[in-house]
Amino acid sequence: MKKTYLLLCSLLAVITLFYACKKDNKYEELTQLADMKLQEAIKLAENQPCKPAEEWRIDTFSYRYVAVHPGFEKEYNKLVEEYRKLSEQADKAYKPGKNGALVYDTSPVVLPPHFGVRCKDGKMIVALATDLELVEINQRLEVLFPKVRDFFKDTPCTDASKWGVINLRKDCEFVPIAITDTPNFRSFAEMEQQYSALNTAKVRLTEGMDCPAVNPNPSKNVVCVDGKASVKL
């Protein structure tokens, strides 16, 4: 009788421990389920046959772009919504001291610039600079270069301390340009990111371009001359 009692107590302890562990692991389980839903959504969007580019929209996650078409958008949205709900549930189930540190990344999404949705190898993709042909890259660089170089050309310079210098790469050349914070600075930043990504892709695609990684003649600062910003070399 005593052995039976001890056996029952041991069994009860094991069952209690099992459910306690399962409860403690709820955060991990929900996190894994959320990630599975997100991967299902991404997989659904991948390897889709080519259709007119204007029919697609681009969805953005923290680490990638996804091309979405109305043909599967309803199912895609359902999976993304399930992913978000599971992520919220996981956050609520988090227990300090029993789970790893719960870190919220509040930094802005930083993804390489994209160049729209297009058909490549029979599938629809969100094109990055590395997906473009050299001819198109050169065409885009030719258009973007003067826009980026001259973006702040007509911005008055009255206080040089409010200006900075960045180097715009033109093939292997470092072109210094003076920049400052303006209400439309975001437009400049987007163009400069596109230009930099395209130039990097060009260097990789062009044989014989052994460009230096560091500017051998760095600029010093910006000075205001007759109300215009000038880079001091």
Protein backbone atom coordinates (compact mmCIF):
# COMPACT_ATOMS: atom_id res chain seq x y z
CA MET A 1 0.00 0.00 0.00
CA LYS A 2 2.84 2.30 0.93
CA LYS A 3 4.63 1.57 -2.37
CA THR A 4 1.42 2.29 -4.30
CA TYR A 5 1.01 5.58 -2.47
CA LEU A 6 4.60 6.61 -3.23
CA LEU A 7 4.14 5.65 -6.86
CA LEU A 8 1.00 7.76 -7.13
CA CYS A 9 2.76 10.69 -5.49
CA SER A 10 5.67 10.37 -7.90
CA LEU A 11 3.31 10.20 -10.87
CA LEU A 12 1.41 13.23 -9.64
CA ALA A 13 4.68 15.13 -9.22
CA VAL A 14 5.75 14.27 -12.78
CA ILE A 15 2.39 15.37 -14.19
CA THR A 16 2.49 18.60 -12.19
CA LEU A 17 6.04 19.30 -13.33
CA PHE A 18 5.08 18.57 -16.97
CA TYR A 19 2.23 21.07 -16.96
CA ALA A 20 4.28 23.62 -15.04
CA CYS A 21 7.07 23.39 -17.63
CA LYS A 22 4.55 23.53 -20.44
CA LYS A 23 3.06 26.68 -18.92
CA ASP A 24 6.50 28.22 -18.47
CA ASN A 25 7.31 27.44 -22.10
CA LYS A 26 4.20 29.17 -23.41
CA TYR A 27 6.22 32.20 -24.49
CA GLU A 28 8.62 30.06 -26.54
CA GLU A 29 5.79 28.02 -28.04
CA LEU A 30 3.83 31.09 -29.09
CA THR A 31 6.96 32.72 -30.50
CA GLN A 32 7.67 29.63 -32.60
CA LEU A 33 4.06 29.45 -33.80
CA ALA A 34 4.18 33.14 -34.76
CA ASP A 35 7.36 32.61 -36.77
CA MET A 36 5.80 29.60 -38.52
CA LYS A 37 2.84 31.72 -39.62
CA LEU A 38 5.16 34.42 -40.93
CA GLN A 39 7.21 31.89 -42.87
CA GLU A 40 3.99 30.43 -44.33
CA ALA A 41 3.00 33.91 -45.53
CA ILE A 42 6.42 34.50 -47.10
CA LYS A 43 6.46 31.06 -48.73
CA LEU A 44 3.01 31.72 -50.18
CA ALA A 45 4.31 34.92 -51.79
CA GLU A 46 7.46 33.34 -53.13
CA ASN A 47 7.73 31.58 -56.46
CA GLN A 48 4.62 33.22 -57.86
CA PRO A 49 4.29 33.24 -61.66
CA CYS A 50 4.79 36.48 -63.55
CA LYS A 51 1.85 38.85 -63.85
CA PRO A 52 1.68 42.57 -64.74
CA ALA A 53 3.86 44.51 -62.26
CA GLU A 54 1.19 47.16 -61.66
CA GLU A 55 -1.07 44.54 -60.06
CA TRP A 56 1.33 43.93 -57.16
CA ARG A 57 2.04 45.73 -53.91
CA ILE A 58 5.11 45.51 -51.69
CA ASP A 59 4.88 44.50 -48.05
CA THR A 60 7.80 45.24 -45.72
CA PHE A 61 8.99 43.23 -42.74
CA SER A 62 11.98 43.92 -40.52
CA TYR A 63 14.32 41.88 -42.67
CA ARG A 64 12.83 41.62 -46.16
CA TYR A 65 10.33 42.80 -48.77
CA VAL A 66 7.44 40.64 -49.99
CA ALA A 67 5.60 41.02 -53.30
CA VAL A 68 1.84 40.50 -52.82
CA HIS A 69 -0.76 39.96 -55.55
CA PRO A 70 -4.57 40.17 -55.22
CA GLY A 71 -4.75 36.54 -56.35
CA PHE A 72 -3.47 35.33 -52.98
CA GLU A 73 -3.68 38.50 -50.88
CA LYS A 74 -6.63 37.33 -48.77
CA GLU A 75 -4.85 34.17 -47.65
CA TYR A 76 -1.60 36.10 -47.19
CA ASN A 77 -3.26 38.76 -45.01
CA LYS A 78 -4.87 36.03 -42.88
CA LEU A 79 -1.48 34.43 -42.18
CA VAL A 80 0.12 37.79 -41.36
CA GLU A 81 -2.74 38.65 -39.00
CA GLU A 82 -2.34 35.29 -37.24
CA TYR A 83 1.39 35.97 -36.97
CA ARG A 84 0.76 39.34 -35.33
CA LYS A 85 -1.82 37.98 -32.89
CA LEU A 86 0.48 35.13 -31.85
CA SER A 87 3.33 37.61 -31.38
CA GLU A 88 1.11 39.73 -29.12
CA GLN A 89 0.10 36.64 -27.13
CA ALA A 90 3.76 35.66 -26.80
CA ASP A 91 4.62 39.07 -25.39
CA LYS A 92 1.83 38.76 -22.81
CA ALA A 93 3.02 35.27 -21.84
CA TYR A 94 6.57 36.44 -21.28
CA LYS A 95 7.84 35.86 -17.72
CA PRO A 96 10.91 37.76 -16.54
CA GLY A 97 13.50 35.40 -15.12
CA LYS A 98 12.08 32.33 -16.84
CA ASN A 99 12.48 33.39 -20.45
CA GLY A 100 15.28 35.10 -22.29
CA ALA A 101 15.35 38.85 -22.27
CA LEU A 102 12.37 40.35 -24.09
CA VAL A 103 13.86 42.98 -26.38
CA TYR A 104 11.80 45.43 -28.39
CA ASP A 105 13.58 46.80 -31.42
CA THR A 106 12.32 50.36 -31.77
CA SER A 107 14.92 51.34 -34.36
CA PRO A 108 13.58 52.24 -37.80
CA VAL A 109 13.48 49.51 -40.41
CA VAL A 110 16.71 49.60 -42.39
CA LEU A 111 16.46 47.61 -45.60
CA PRO A 112 18.35 48.10 -48.84
CA PRO A 113 16.38 50.22 -51.32
CA HIS A 114 14.20 48.33 -53.75
CA PHE A 115 13.42 49.09 -57.38
CA GLY A 116 9.89 47.82 -57.69
CA VAL A 117 8.30 44.49 -58.53
CA ARG A 118 9.42 42.71 -61.66
CA CYS A 119 9.61 39.34 -63.35
CA LYS A 120 12.92 37.51 -63.08
CA ASP A 121 13.54 33.92 -64.16
CA GLY A 122 9.79 33.40 -64.52
CA LYS A 123 8.99 34.53 -60.95
CA MET A 124 7.88 37.82 -59.43
CA ILE A 125 10.38 39.45 -57.08
CA VAL A 126 10.96 42.72 -55.28
CA ALA A 127 14.07 43.85 -57.13
CA LEU A 128 17.16 45.04 -55.27
CA ALA A 129 20.15 46.68 -56.96
CA THR A 130 21.81 43.26 -57.22
CA ASP A 131 18.87 41.99 -59.30
CA LEU A 132 19.37 44.60 -62.03
CA GLU A 133 21.37 44.30 -65.22
CA LEU A 134 24.42 46.52 -65.66
CA VAL A 135 22.79 48.52 -68.46
CA GLU A 136 19.86 49.51 -66.25
CA ILE A 137 22.17 50.24 -63.31
CA ASN A 138 24.21 52.66 -65.43
CA GLN A 139 21.07 54.38 -66.71
CA ARG A 140 19.74 54.86 -63.19
CA LEU A 141 23.10 56.12 -61.90
CA GLU A 142 23.33 58.68 -64.70
CA VAL A 143 19.93 60.10 -63.73
CA LEU A 144 20.46 60.00 -59.97
CA PHE A 145 23.98 61.42 -59.74
CA PRO A 146 23.22 65.10 -60.52
CA LYS A 147 20.05 64.95 -58.39
CA VAL A 148 21.96 63.76 -55.32
CA ARG A 149 25.04 65.93 -55.94
CA ASP A 150 23.02 69.14 -56.37
CA PHE A 151 20.22 68.47 -53.88
CA PHE A 152 21.41 71.17 -51.43
CA LYS A 153 22.91 73.43 -54.07
CA ASP A 154 20.34 76.21 -53.53
CA THR A 155 20.04 75.80 -49.75
CA PRO A 156 21.36 78.97 -48.04
CA CYS A 157 24.44 78.54 -45.87
CA THR A 158 24.63 80.94 -42.91
CA ASP A 159 26.02 78.64 -40.23
CA ALA A 160 28.68 76.14 -41.34
CA SER A 161 28.38 74.19 -38.06
CA LYS A 162 24.97 72.96 -39.23
CA TRP A 163 26.45 71.35 -42.33
CA GLY A 164 28.26 68.07 -42.83
CA VAL A 165 30.03 66.22 -45.62
CA ILE A 166 29.37 62.85 -47.21
CA ASN A 167 31.26 61.22 -50.07
CA LEU A 168 29.25 60.19 -53.10
CA ARG A 169 30.94 57.37 -55.01
CA LYS A 170 31.10 57.82 -58.78
CA ASP A 171 32.58 54.57 -59.95
CA CYS A 172 35.83 54.59 -57.90
CA GLU A 173 35.93 58.37 -57.36
CA PHE A 174 34.92 60.01 -54.05
CA VAL A 175 32.79 63.10 -54.69
CA PRO A 176 32.32 65.20 -51.53
CA ILE A 177 29.00 66.97 -51.14
CA ALA A 178 27.78 69.29 -48.39
CA ILE A 179 24.55 68.30 -46.68
CA THR A 180 22.33 69.80 -43.99
CA ASP A 181 19.04 69.02 -42.29
CA THR A 182 16.08 70.33 -44.27
CA PRO A 183 12.33 69.52 -44.27
CA ASN A 184 12.83 67.41 -47.41
CA PHE A 185 15.96 65.62 -46.16
CA ARG A 186 14.18 62.28 -46.33
CA SER A 187 13.88 62.60 -50.11
CA PHE A 188 17.61 63.18 -50.33
CA ALA A 189 18.36 60.19 -48.08
CA GLU A 190 16.21 57.88 -50.19
CA MET A 191 17.91 58.96 -53.42
CA GLU A 192 21.39 58.70 -51.88
CA GLN A 193 20.63 55.17 -50.61
CA GLN A 194 19.42 54.15 -54.06
CA TYR A 195 22.49 55.66 -55.69
CA SER A 196 24.92 53.99 -53.26
CA ALA A 197 23.27 50.58 -53.67
CA LEU A 198 23.38 50.88 -57.46
CA ASN A 199 27.02 51.98 -57.51
CA THR A 200 28.01 49.08 -55.25
CA ALA A 201 26.19 46.67 -57.58
CA LYS A 202 27.95 48.23 -60.57
CA VAL A 203 31.40 47.77 -59.02
CA ARG A 204 30.64 44.10 -58.37
CA LEU A 205 29.41 43.52 -61.91
CA THR A 206 32.20 45.39 -63.68
CA GLU A 207 35.45 43.54 -64.20
CA GLY A 208 38.64 45.42 -63.42
CA MET A 209 37.08 47.98 -61.03
CA ASP A 210 39.42 47.70 -58.07
CA CYS A 211 38.09 50.63 -56.07
CA PRO A 212 39.67 51.80 -52.80
CA ALA A 213 37.54 51.24 -49.70
CA VAL A 214 38.72 54.44 -48.00
CA ASN A 215 38.90 57.96 -49.41
CA PRO A 216 42.61 58.81 -49.81
CA ASN A 217 41.81 62.55 -49.71
CA PRO A 218 39.10 63.03 -47.07
CA SER A 219 37.28 66.35 -46.87
CA LYS A 220 37.79 68.52 -43.80
CA ASN A 221 34.61 70.50 -43.28
CA VAL A 222 32.10 72.91 -44.79
CA VAL A 223 32.46 76.67 -45.02
CA CYS A 224 29.88 79.24 -46.06
CA VAL A 225 30.98 81.35 -49.01
CA ASP A 226 28.62 84.08 -50.25
CA GLY A 227 25.68 82.21 -48.72
CA LYS A 228 26.59 78.91 -50.38
CA ALA A 229 27.97 75.77 -48.78
CA SER A 230 31.46 74.85 -49.94
CA VAL A 231 33.42 71.73 -49.01
CA LYS A 232 36.91 72.47 -47.71
CA LEU A 233 39.46 69.89 -48.90
